[in-house]
């Protein structure tokens, strides 16, 4: 029997990550570069992005930065071109960039609803569309690739006060399944990741939003509510999510597509 390589090593793979200047995206970029990947970090935050690639290069990693507004199709075309020019290929796309606006439904404006969907849903659509074009192009070897879309536990269950966010992240989940079904024959794998509350700027905002809705603004009470309803009893770390991204980017996940992987300490189970 022929043994197949299923290691988490990413040597030779080229990865593009959105929202990579901080938080989960930055941790993913650092981890994947450490595993051997060449990483294109993208973000609207140019200074933080440049600092991030300097840090990765200092540790021997291969990284470049490209400014990217995920709602702009022209920016996506430039980012994909920059990746191909810098690293001569594209194997993995991590659609990480996103925002969260929590408001009672009757207080949410149409502008807020549209902005959240523009970044969280349209950004994923545009990135997926242009990444797949590169992954299946004869110029790129037409070898396929892995697309990893960051959704949320809010894309699996309803959360009071988060209707707009739930709608956007739920869309990411089903979009990922549909694209996986459409492009599986071309060796394109597409999966969604569903983190719970993670220790980031955005995670702290989510805790505060819960506190505002339930406890009149007391952050510690909001934090304790989430911890007490999480079977593992803690808030997640960016490393928890980055580890799953590395797995899905690697050959170890070569038979996994069209599914959702939940990283929430068990909170969605209860």
Protein backbone atom coordinates (compact mmCIF):
# COMPACT_ATOMS: atom_id res chain seq x y z
CA UNK A 1 0.00 0.00 0.00
CA UNK A 2 1.33 3.44 -0.93
CA UNK A 3 1.63 5.78 2.03
CA UNK A 4 0.30 9.27 1.46
CA UNK A 5 1.64 12.39 3.14
CA UNK A 6 -0.97 13.79 5.51
CA UNK A 7 1.28 16.06 7.57
CA UNK A 8 0.33 19.57 8.61
CA UNK A 9 3.47 20.85 6.92
CA UNK A 10 2.68 23.62 4.40
CA UNK A 11 6.03 23.77 2.64
CA UNK A 12 5.52 24.91 -0.95
CA UNK A 13 1.96 26.16 -0.44
CA UNK A 14 0.92 29.76 -1.15
CA UNK A 15 -1.72 31.32 1.09
CA UNK A 16 -3.69 34.57 0.89
CA UNK A 17 -5.31 35.75 4.13
CA UNK A 18 -7.73 38.68 4.49
CA UNK A 19 -7.93 40.79 7.63
CA UNK A 20 -4.40 39.59 8.41
CA UNK A 21 -3.00 42.68 10.13
CA UNK A 22 -4.30 41.72 13.59
CA UNK A 23 -6.35 39.24 15.59
CA UNK A 24 -7.21 35.84 14.15
CA UNK A 25 -5.88 36.74 10.69
CA UNK A 26 -2.47 37.71 12.04
CA UNK A 27 -2.19 34.56 14.14
CA UNK A 28 -3.12 32.49 11.07
CA UNK A 29 -0.48 34.25 8.96
CA UNK A 30 2.23 33.69 11.56
CA UNK A 31 1.33 30.04 12.11
CA UNK A 32 1.07 29.16 8.42
CA UNK A 33 4.36 30.89 7.63
CA UNK A 34 6.02 28.97 10.46
CA UNK A 35 4.66 25.76 8.89
CA UNK A 36 6.44 26.63 5.64
CA UNK A 37 3.81 28.46 3.58
CA UNK A 38 4.43 31.63 1.59
CA UNK A 39 1.80 34.04 2.91
CA UNK A 40 0.22 37.10 1.32
CA UNK A 41 -1.25 39.18 4.14
CA UNK A 42 -4.02 41.55 3.09
CA UNK A 43 -5.90 44.21 5.04
CA UNK A 44 -7.03 47.83 4.87
CA UNK A 45 -4.66 48.56 7.79
CA UNK A 46 -1.42 49.12 5.87
CA UNK A 47 0.89 50.07 8.75
CA UNK A 48 -0.10 47.07 10.85
CA UNK A 49 0.15 44.84 7.78
CA UNK A 50 3.69 45.98 7.00
CA UNK A 51 4.68 45.45 10.63
CA UNK A 52 3.24 41.95 10.50
CA UNK A 53 5.24 40.87 7.45
CA UNK A 54 8.42 42.31 8.97
CA UNK A 55 7.84 40.20 12.07
CA UNK A 56 7.24 37.05 10.00
CA UNK A 57 10.35 37.64 7.87
CA UNK A 58 12.50 38.21 10.95
CA UNK A 59 11.60 34.66 12.02
CA UNK A 60 12.55 33.24 8.62
CA UNK A 61 9.07 33.14 7.13
CA UNK A 62 8.05 34.10 3.61
CA UNK A 63 5.48 36.90 3.57
CA UNK A 64 4.27 39.90 1.58
CA UNK A 65 1.53 42.48 2.09
CA UNK A 66 -1.13 43.92 -0.22
CA UNK A 67 -3.76 46.47 0.74
CA UNK A 68 -7.23 44.99 0.21
CA UNK A 69 -10.74 46.27 0.79
CA UNK A 70 -12.66 42.99 0.50
CA UNK A 71 -15.77 44.80 -0.80
CA UNK A 72 -13.87 46.10 -3.85
CA UNK A 73 -13.58 43.70 -6.80
CA UNK A 74 -10.68 45.66 -8.33
CA UNK A 75 -8.75 45.31 -5.06
CA UNK A 76 -9.32 41.56 -5.17
CA UNK A 77 -7.99 41.35 -8.71
CA UNK A 78 -4.88 43.28 -7.66
CA UNK A 79 -4.36 41.13 -4.55
CA UNK A 80 -4.60 37.87 -6.50
CA UNK A 81 -2.21 39.24 -9.14
CA UNK A 82 0.22 40.37 -6.45
CA UNK A 83 0.13 36.91 -4.90
CA UNK A 84 0.82 35.19 -8.21
CA UNK A 85 3.63 37.64 -8.99
CA UNK A 86 5.24 37.29 -5.55
CA UNK A 87 4.91 33.54 -5.07
CA UNK A 88 4.01 32.09 -8.48
CA UNK A 89 0.81 30.42 -7.37
CA UNK A 90 -2.16 30.27 -5.00
CA UNK A 91 -3.10 27.17 -3.02
CA UNK A 92 -5.11 28.46 -0.06
CA UNK A 93 -7.49 31.38 0.54
CA UNK A 94 -8.49 32.30 4.09
CA UNK A 95 -11.51 34.64 4.02
CA UNK A 96 -11.07 36.01 7.53
CA UNK A 97 -11.96 39.72 7.27
CA UNK A 98 -15.26 40.60 8.91
CA UNK A 99 -17.15 43.01 11.14
CA UNK A 100 -19.82 42.61 13.79
CA UNK A 101 -22.64 45.08 14.41
CA UNK A 102 -24.93 44.01 17.24
CA UNK A 103 -28.21 45.87 17.57
CA UNK A 104 -31.81 45.00 18.31
CA UNK A 105 -33.47 44.41 14.95
CA UNK A 106 -35.80 47.40 15.20
CA UNK A 107 -32.83 49.71 15.84
CA UNK A 108 -30.63 48.47 12.98
CA UNK A 109 -30.43 50.76 9.96
CA UNK A 110 -30.39 49.50 6.40
CA UNK A 111 -26.93 51.07 6.02
CA UNK A 112 -25.59 48.98 8.93
CA UNK A 113 -27.22 45.83 7.55
CA UNK A 114 -25.73 46.43 4.08
CA UNK A 115 -22.24 47.21 5.37
CA UNK A 116 -22.14 44.04 7.47
CA UNK A 117 -23.23 41.96 4.48
CA UNK A 118 -20.87 43.77 2.09
CA UNK A 119 -17.83 42.82 4.18
CA UNK A 120 -18.93 39.49 5.66
CA UNK A 121 -20.72 38.02 2.63
CA UNK A 122 -19.84 39.92 -0.55
CA UNK A 123 -16.17 39.96 0.47
CA UNK A 124 -16.23 36.17 0.78
CA UNK A 125 -17.99 35.87 -2.60
CA UNK A 126 -15.47 38.08 -4.38
CA UNK A 127 -12.46 36.41 -2.80
CA UNK A 128 -13.75 32.92 -3.54
CA UNK A 129 -14.59 33.80 -7.14
CA UNK A 130 -11.19 35.26 -7.97
CA UNK A 131 -9.18 32.75 -5.96
CA UNK A 132 -10.84 29.81 -7.72
CA UNK A 133 -10.12 31.39 -11.10
CA UNK A 134 -6.43 31.43 -10.15
CA UNK A 135 -6.46 27.95 -8.61
CA UNK A 136 -7.91 26.25 -11.70
CA UNK A 137 -6.05 28.32 -14.29
CA UNK A 138 -3.70 26.43 -16.61
CA UNK A 139 -1.16 29.21 -15.96
CA UNK A 140 -1.20 28.15 -12.29
CA UNK A 141 -1.08 24.43 -13.01
CA UNK A 142 -4.83 24.01 -12.52
CA UNK A 143 -4.18 21.94 -9.42
CA UNK A 144 -7.06 23.17 -7.21
CA UNK A 145 -6.80 24.44 -3.66
CA UNK A 146 -8.41 24.99 -0.27
CA UNK A 147 -10.75 27.87 0.60
CA UNK A 148 -11.38 28.48 4.29
CA UNK A 149 -14.23 30.86 5.15
CA UNK A 150 -14.49 32.30 8.64
CA UNK A 151 -18.09 32.21 9.79
CA UNK A 152 -19.15 32.09 13.47
CA UNK A 153 -21.27 30.14 15.92
CA UNK A 154 -23.70 32.96 15.13
CA UNK A 155 -23.90 31.37 11.68
CA UNK A 156 -25.27 28.20 13.29
CA UNK A 157 -27.58 29.40 16.06
CA UNK A 158 -29.73 32.48 16.63
CA UNK A 159 -28.47 35.11 19.08
CA UNK A 160 -30.82 37.86 20.36
CA UNK A 161 -29.59 41.28 19.27
CA UNK A 162 -27.35 39.80 16.57
CA UNK A 163 -29.89 39.11 13.80
CA UNK A 164 -27.90 40.92 11.09
CA UNK A 165 -24.65 39.24 12.07
CA UNK A 166 -26.32 35.81 12.25
CA UNK A 167 -27.79 36.33 8.78
CA UNK A 168 -24.42 37.27 7.31
CA UNK A 169 -22.48 34.45 8.95
CA UNK A 170 -25.21 31.94 8.12
CA UNK A 171 -24.89 32.98 4.49
CA UNK A 172 -21.16 32.23 4.60
CA UNK A 173 -21.90 28.69 5.79
CA UNK A 174 -24.30 27.81 2.98
CA UNK A 175 -22.30 29.67 0.34
CA UNK A 176 -19.30 27.52 1.30
CA UNK A 177 -21.31 24.32 0.89
CA UNK A 178 -22.66 25.34 -2.51
CA UNK A 179 -19.22 26.26 -3.85
CA UNK A 180 -17.76 23.02 -2.48
CA UNK A 181 -20.40 21.09 -4.41
CA UNK A 182 -19.83 23.08 -7.59
CA UNK A 183 -16.04 22.87 -7.70
CA UNK A 184 -15.21 19.58 -6.00
CA UNK A 185 -14.51 17.95 -9.37
CA UNK A 186 -11.74 20.53 -9.88
CA UNK A 187 -10.10 19.62 -6.56
CA UNK A 188 -11.28 22.82 -4.87
CA UNK A 189 -12.09 22.23 -1.20
CA UNK A 190 -14.31 24.79 0.56
CA UNK A 191 -15.12 24.73 4.27
CA UNK A 192 -16.40 27.16 6.87
CA UNK A 193 -15.00 27.65 10.36
CA UNK A 194 -17.29 28.72 13.20
CA UNK A 195 -15.46 30.24 16.17
CA UNK A 196 -17.17 31.15 19.40
CA UNK A 197 -16.04 34.25 21.30
CA UNK A 198 -12.28 34.67 20.80
CA UNK A 199 -9.91 36.96 22.71
CA UNK A 200 -9.55 39.74 20.13
CA UNK A 201 -10.72 43.32 19.75
CA UNK A 202 -13.82 42.03 17.97
CA UNK A 203 -14.33 39.36 20.63
CA UNK A 204 -14.24 41.96 23.38
CA UNK A 205 -16.80 43.99 21.43
CA UNK A 206 -19.08 40.93 21.22
CA UNK A 207 -18.80 40.41 24.98
CA UNK A 208 -19.63 44.08 25.57
CA UNK A 209 -22.59 43.82 23.20
CA UNK A 210 -23.91 40.82 25.14
CA UNK A 211 -23.37 42.75 28.38
CA UNK A 212 -25.27 45.73 26.97
CA UNK A 213 -28.22 43.57 25.95
CA UNK A 214 -28.45 41.42 29.10
CA UNK A 215 -26.82 43.34 31.95
CA UNK A 216 -27.07 47.01 31.08
CA UNK A 217 -23.41 47.26 30.09
CA UNK A 218 -21.45 45.35 32.78
CA UNK A 219 -18.58 43.74 30.82
CA UNK A 220 -17.57 41.29 33.57
CA UNK A 221 -21.10 39.97 33.85
CA UNK A 222 -21.22 39.48 30.09
CA UNK A 223 -17.88 37.68 30.18
CA UNK A 224 -18.98 35.41 33.02
CA UNK A 225 -22.25 34.61 31.23
CA UNK A 226 -20.35 33.36 28.19
CA UNK A 227 -17.80 31.43 30.25
CA UNK A 228 -20.49 29.81 32.39
CA UNK A 229 -22.33 28.63 29.28
CA UNK A 230 -19.20 27.26 27.64
CA UNK A 231 -18.49 23.61 28.59
CA UNK A 232 -14.72 24.19 28.44
CA UNK A 233 -15.17 27.19 30.71
CA UNK A 234 -13.03 29.74 28.90
CA UNK A 235 -12.93 32.24 26.07
CA UNK A 236 -11.14 31.02 22.94
CA UNK A 237 -7.67 32.08 21.83
CA UNK A 238 -6.66 33.12 18.31
CA UNK A 239 -4.33 30.11 18.30
CA UNK A 240 -7.36 27.80 18.63
CA UNK A 241 -8.68 29.08 15.32
CA UNK A 242 -5.30 29.28 13.59
CA UNK A 243 -4.69 25.59 14.35
CA UNK A 244 -7.88 24.64 12.51
CA UNK A 245 -6.95 26.88 9.58
CA UNK A 246 -3.58 25.14 9.35
CA UNK A 247 -5.30 21.75 9.34
CA UNK A 248 -7.73 22.71 6.55
CA UNK A 249 -4.89 24.26 4.52
CA UNK A 250 -2.83 21.08 4.77
CA UNK A 251 -2.94 17.79 2.92
CA UNK A 252 -4.19 16.19 6.15
CA UNK A 253 -7.62 17.61 5.24
CA UNK A 254 -7.55 16.49 1.59
CA UNK A 255 -10.91 14.65 1.86
CA UNK A 256 -12.74 17.35 3.80
CA UNK A 257 -14.97 19.76 1.91
CA UNK A 258 -18.42 21.31 2.17
CA UNK A 259 -18.56 21.11 5.93
CA UNK A 260 -18.45 23.41 8.95
CA UNK A 261 -15.95 23.05 11.78
CA UNK A 262 -16.94 24.55 15.11
CA UNK A 263 -14.34 26.02 17.49
CA UNK A 264 -16.41 27.33 20.39
CA UNK A 265 -15.52 25.38 23.51
CA UNK A 266 -18.88 23.62 23.22
CA UNK A 267 -21.15 26.65 23.67
CA UNK A 268 -23.27 25.82 20.61
CA UNK A 269 -23.91 22.35 22.07
CA UNK A 270 -25.78 23.82 25.02
